[in-house]
Amino acid sequence: MNVEQCHAAILVEDLYQDQEVWYPLLRFKEAGASVTVVGTGSKISYASKHGYPIQADRAAADVRARDFHCVIVPGGYAPDILRRYEPVLKFVREADREGRIIGAICHGPWVLCSAGTLHGRRMTCFSAIKDDVTNAGAQYTDEEVVVDKNLVTSRKPEDLPAFMAAILRLVQAF
């Protein structure tokens, strides 16, 4: 698929990691993809760890995985809030079941742990949650970016260039 045909969802909640939302959002737009910011539905505008706001276009309860090619789960402390919302978990489960590209960075894999989508997967994440991902059935590896079928994971903001390059390569092969 041409990147211009891609429709990506980026999950947000309060205390998201600034670069891990804005870098993918801007890279997708720069490449011509369309992006929908998906919040939990608890409000319309969410503040980053540093107070930078982002407005959600839709609530998780109002979106379906079939309408997207890619889902980004950023880090920060937002994943600990996102994982408490069943519509978010349902959306992520559907995306994985349908083979949509799922990108999770830093603490983002917490959402995947709660969604139950990590068993047997090879991945990376921020080192503080490696026990969580291994307890959820994943094989942890400490690498800049790990691609396992439709799942792309990275450890921290410094890994964003490799993270997005891997995602955009998968989009082109979609």
Protein backbone atom coordinates (compact mmCIF):
# COMPACT_ATOMS: atom_id res chain seq x y z
CA MET A 1 0.00 0.00 0.00
CA ASN A 2 1.11 3.53 -0.65
CA VAL A 3 1.61 5.48 2.62
CA GLU A 4 -0.85 8.11 1.35
CA GLN A 5 -3.58 5.45 1.60
CA CYS A 6 -2.76 4.66 5.23
CA HIS A 7 -5.16 5.61 8.01
CA ALA A 8 -3.45 5.54 11.41
CA ALA A 9 -4.90 5.81 14.92
CA ILE A 10 -2.84 7.24 17.77
CA LEU A 11 -4.09 6.46 21.27
CA VAL A 12 -3.93 9.25 23.86
CA GLU A 13 -4.71 9.93 27.49
CA ASP A 14 -3.37 12.36 30.06
CA LEU A 15 0.35 12.16 30.81
CA TYR A 16 1.31 10.83 27.37
CA GLN A 17 4.98 11.12 26.43
CA ASP A 18 5.13 14.19 24.18
CA GLN A 19 7.50 12.95 21.46
CA GLU A 20 5.89 9.50 21.32
CA VAL A 21 2.59 11.05 20.20
CA TRP A 22 3.74 14.02 18.15
CA TYR A 23 6.63 12.40 16.27
CA PRO A 24 4.47 9.59 14.79
CA LEU A 25 1.58 11.99 14.15
CA LEU A 26 3.79 14.40 12.23
CA ARG A 27 5.71 11.66 10.38
CA PHE A 28 2.46 10.08 9.20
CA LYS A 29 1.09 13.45 8.06
CA GLU A 30 4.39 14.32 6.39
CA ALA A 31 4.16 11.04 4.44
CA GLY A 32 0.60 11.84 3.37
CA ALA A 33 -1.23 9.39 5.66
CA SER A 34 -4.39 10.34 7.51
CA VAL A 35 -4.29 10.27 11.30
CA THR A 36 -7.07 10.00 13.88
CA VAL A 37 -6.24 10.79 17.49
CA VAL A 38 -8.22 8.36 19.66
CA GLY A 39 -8.81 9.10 23.34
CA THR A 40 -10.47 7.10 26.06
CA GLY A 41 -13.55 9.30 25.86
CA SER A 42 -13.05 10.67 29.37
CA LYS A 43 -12.61 14.14 27.83
CA ILE A 44 -11.78 15.83 24.53
CA SER A 45 -8.34 17.32 25.26
CA TYR A 46 -5.50 15.42 26.94
CA ALA A 47 -2.34 16.89 28.46
CA SER A 48 1.12 15.40 28.00
CA LYS A 49 3.62 14.81 30.79
CA HIS A 50 4.80 18.36 30.14
CA GLY A 51 1.30 19.84 29.84
CA TYR A 52 1.17 20.01 26.03
CA PRO A 53 -2.43 19.42 24.94
CA ILE A 54 -3.77 17.25 22.15
CA GLN A 55 -7.38 17.04 21.11
CA ALA A 56 -8.92 13.64 20.41
CA ASP A 57 -10.80 13.25 17.15
CA ARG A 58 -12.71 10.21 18.39
CA ALA A 59 -13.28 8.11 21.51
CA ALA A 60 -12.14 4.50 21.60
CA ALA A 61 -15.74 3.31 21.95
CA ASP A 62 -16.55 4.96 18.61
CA VAL A 63 -13.80 3.44 16.43
CA ARG A 64 -13.30 0.04 14.83
CA ALA A 65 -9.99 -1.58 13.93
CA ARG A 66 -11.18 -2.32 10.38
CA ASP A 67 -11.15 1.43 9.68
CA PHE A 68 -7.39 1.73 10.33
CA HIS A 69 -4.21 0.22 8.94
CA CYS A 70 -2.06 1.11 11.94
CA VAL A 71 -2.48 1.80 15.66
CA ILE A 72 0.17 3.62 17.71
CA VAL A 73 0.33 3.15 21.48
CA PRO A 74 2.66 5.82 22.92
CA GLY A 75 4.35 5.74 26.28
CA GLY A 76 4.54 8.05 29.23
CA TYR A 77 2.08 7.36 32.01
CA ALA A 78 -0.90 7.41 29.62
CA PRO A 79 -0.76 3.63 29.00
CA ASP A 80 -1.51 3.00 32.68
CA ILE A 81 -4.73 4.99 32.18
CA LEU A 82 -5.52 3.68 28.69
CA ARG A 83 -5.39 0.06 29.88
CA ARG A 84 -8.25 0.72 32.33
CA TYR A 85 -10.72 1.38 29.50
CA GLU A 86 -12.30 -1.72 27.96
CA PRO A 87 -13.08 0.08 24.65
CA VAL A 88 -9.34 0.77 24.25
CA LEU A 89 -8.46 -2.87 24.96
CA LYS A 90 -11.19 -4.11 22.60
CA PHE A 91 -9.87 -1.82 19.85
CA VAL A 92 -6.30 -3.10 20.31
CA ARG A 93 -7.45 -6.75 20.40
CA GLU A 94 -9.45 -6.24 17.18
CA ALA A 95 -6.49 -4.54 15.50
CA ASP A 96 -4.19 -7.42 16.41
CA ARG A 97 -6.72 -10.10 15.41
CA GLU A 98 -7.19 -8.38 12.03
CA GLY A 99 -3.43 -8.13 11.44
CA ARG A 100 -3.33 -4.33 11.61
CA ILE A 101 0.07 -2.80 12.31
CA ILE A 102 0.44 -2.06 16.02
CA GLY A 103 3.28 0.17 17.13
CA ALA A 104 3.95 0.39 20.88
CA ILE A 105 6.82 2.34 22.38
CA CYS A 106 8.22 2.81 25.88
CA HIS A 107 5.39 2.07 28.39
CA GLY A 108 2.89 1.57 25.53
CA PRO A 109 3.14 -2.24 25.75
CA TRP A 110 1.29 -2.04 29.08
CA VAL A 111 -1.85 -1.64 26.98
CA LEU A 112 -0.93 -4.76 25.01
CA CYS A 113 -0.37 -6.67 28.26
CA SER A 114 -3.87 -5.79 29.43
CA ALA A 115 -5.34 -6.53 26.00
CA GLY A 116 -3.84 -10.03 26.15
CA THR A 117 -2.07 -9.78 22.78
CA LEU A 118 1.54 -10.53 23.74
CA HIS A 119 1.67 -14.30 24.25
CA GLY A 120 4.44 -15.77 22.10
CA ARG A 121 5.52 -12.40 20.67
CA ARG A 122 9.09 -11.11 20.47
CA MET A 123 9.34 -7.46 21.50
CA THR A 124 11.06 -4.66 23.36
CA CYS A 125 9.86 -1.90 25.69
CA PHE A 126 11.11 0.50 28.36
CA SER A 127 13.26 -1.57 30.73
CA ALA A 128 11.04 -0.82 33.76
CA ILE A 129 8.16 -2.84 32.29
CA LYS A 130 10.10 -5.79 30.85
CA ASP A 131 8.84 -8.03 33.68
CA ASP A 132 5.26 -7.06 32.78
CA VAL A 133 5.68 -7.99 29.12
CA THR A 134 7.43 -11.28 29.91
CA ASN A 135 4.73 -12.12 32.46
CA ALA A 136 2.19 -11.43 29.68
CA GLY A 137 3.91 -14.12 27.60
CA ALA A 138 6.26 -12.10 25.40
CA GLN A 139 9.94 -12.71 24.77
CA TYR A 140 11.72 -9.47 25.75
CA THR A 141 14.81 -8.28 23.92
CA ASP A 142 16.72 -5.04 24.46
CA GLU A 143 16.88 -3.58 20.94
CA GLU A 144 16.12 -0.19 19.38
CA VAL A 145 13.21 -1.62 17.40
CA VAL A 146 11.72 -5.10 17.18
CA VAL A 147 9.31 -6.22 14.46
CA ASP A 148 7.27 -9.39 15.06
CA LYS A 149 4.75 -9.82 12.22
CA ASN A 150 2.34 -6.84 12.67
CA LEU A 151 3.83 -5.71 16.00
CA VAL A 152 6.52 -2.99 16.11
CA THR A 153 8.01 -2.06 19.48
CA SER A 154 10.70 0.32 20.72
CA ARG A 155 12.17 1.30 24.09
CA LYS A 156 12.25 5.10 24.40
CA PRO A 157 11.92 8.43 22.57
CA GLU A 158 15.47 8.19 21.20
CA ASP A 159 14.31 5.11 19.25
CA LEU A 160 11.53 6.99 17.41
CA PRO A 161 13.36 7.31 14.06
CA ALA A 162 13.89 3.52 13.86
CA PHE A 163 10.37 2.89 15.22
CA MET A 164 8.67 5.00 12.57
CA ALA A 165 10.93 3.74 9.77
CA ALA A 166 9.91 0.16 10.62
CA ILE A 167 6.23 1.11 10.77
CA LEU A 168 6.33 2.95 7.46
CA ARG A 169 8.06 -0.05 5.83
CA LEU A 170 5.24 -2.32 7.10
CA VAL A 171 2.63 0.12 5.82
CA GLN A 172 4.18 -0.05 2.35
CA ALA A 173 4.07 -3.86 2.50
CA PHE A 174 0.46 -3.92 3.82
